[in-house]
Amino acid sequence: MPRLPRLFFILSFLFFSVASTTSAAPRLSAESLQTLLEEATESFAQGNFTAAADRFARIETNFSEEDELQDESFLRRFLPVKGHAEFAAGRPIAAAESFSRFVDRFPSDPQHADALYALALTLQENGSIDPSLERFEEFEKTYPHHPLKNLAEMQRIRLLLALEKPEEALGIVDSISENEKTNNAADRARLQIARYFLKEEQPLRAAKIVLAHRWDLKRTPEIASLSLTAFELGDQLQTQNKFSGALRLYRLVLPYETLRAELTERIAELTDRQTKRSGEHPFIGHDRGILLGRLKQQQKHFNKSEDYTDSLLLRRGQMFLFIDRPHEAWLLFEQLALDENVSPQIRQDAHYRWAMAASALEEWEAALAIARYFLSEYPESTLAPETLSLIAQAHQEQRRYPAFLIHKIPAGCEAFKSCGFRHLTSKQDFKWLILFSKIT
């Protein structure tokens, strides 16, 4: 929304212009034009932008042939105010026309920068991607130190992605400065590009963008989008055996309750900033309003969704195991396996992996105890055969060969004798058979 005090000043000037330029005109016409201007001003001040836009449109329709609407000093004040009213009323096509007339006609006017940015934004909302992109580029070149430059660059990235030009978008993102005053536009731009590559089934490129940046999890407003993106990318990298990258991504995901609390805090901070934006550029407030709306939608989603924390911890533990960090894996798996509040399936998976972590550490007695505990808790589990193999390995490593064979051949010695050779599938199997014959 434009700055109201400045608009009142401009509209007051309009009244003066009307009064001074219509002294020779019929009284009814002057009074009608001034009445509409007064009504438009009052509607705008009350936040009734639809009524204000309606009255500005009636002024142009009813008085288009009047000298007042041909006068440049009148138009240079009338057009941007009309455009802002139309933009706030949700009429981007009409607003774009008003801003375009002003921008092209008055390039040296002090309001030119704001009007040019507004024109680019309204064209974007109209779906006029190429013209919007051109106007944002024009804005950045003409006003390189303007407070809205970061937001203009972020909008240009969004447009380039819509045009399927991610390389050009990548060329812009590093030039966006980290700045809370522009609602952390840089973080948001990076996530836009990462989501684009994820959607295009290029997870490695998306992950590279996310992992190359040092995220401030206490500051970025897009904490929910970051967590969702990192979770999805972590799963994608895991399937490609990029375990270290997957772990780094999973560590960017906040636990469910933490994320909900952080999201509530961000919404409160942005809302407070929105109500105390004295001296702030109006389009920064407009951008923040859109951001707030998105965060509130995310909050509704997470308030209704299931807690994913245990699943996240299971993934982290598995990545620790894959990259040969079994100590960290042990701690996570033990925590999940013994927590009765965790879902049965995750507890079961974590318990089995807990035994695997113990085996990886060559803590054979612990591995035996954990594996036996697993079989007592989940005797019908599909992981039972693998657990028996872990027990067999623990016995083998401690040179307990009879116990090793019993667990390596779960059906037992008699069953093994009766089955003959039909289950022998490798040289190692024949070695077991020789060993079995020696100890029995």
Foldseek 3Di string as FASTA:
>chain_A
DADLVVLVVLLVVLLVLLVVVCPVPDPVVSVVLSVLSVQLSVCVVVVNLVSNLVSLVCCCVVCVVPVQVVDPSNLLSSLQVNLVSCVSVVNLVVSLVSLVVNLVPCVPDPCNLVSLLSNLVSCVVVVVLVVSLVSLVVSCVVCVPDPCNLVSLLVNLVSCVVVVNLVVNVVRLVVRDQDVLLLRSSVVSLLVSLVSCVVVVNLVVSLCSLVVDDDDCLRRLVLVSLQVSLQVSLVVVVVVVVLVSSLVSLVSHDFLVVSLVSLVVSLVVLVVCLVVVPPRGVVSSVVSVVSSVVSVVVNVVSVPDDGCRLVSLQSNLVSCVSVLNLVSNLVSLVVLLPDPVHDPVSNLSSLLVNLVSCVSVVVLVVSLVSLVVSCVVCVPDPCNLVSLQSNLVSCVVVPVLVSNLCSPVVVGDVVVVVVPCPPPDDPVSVVNVVVSVVVD
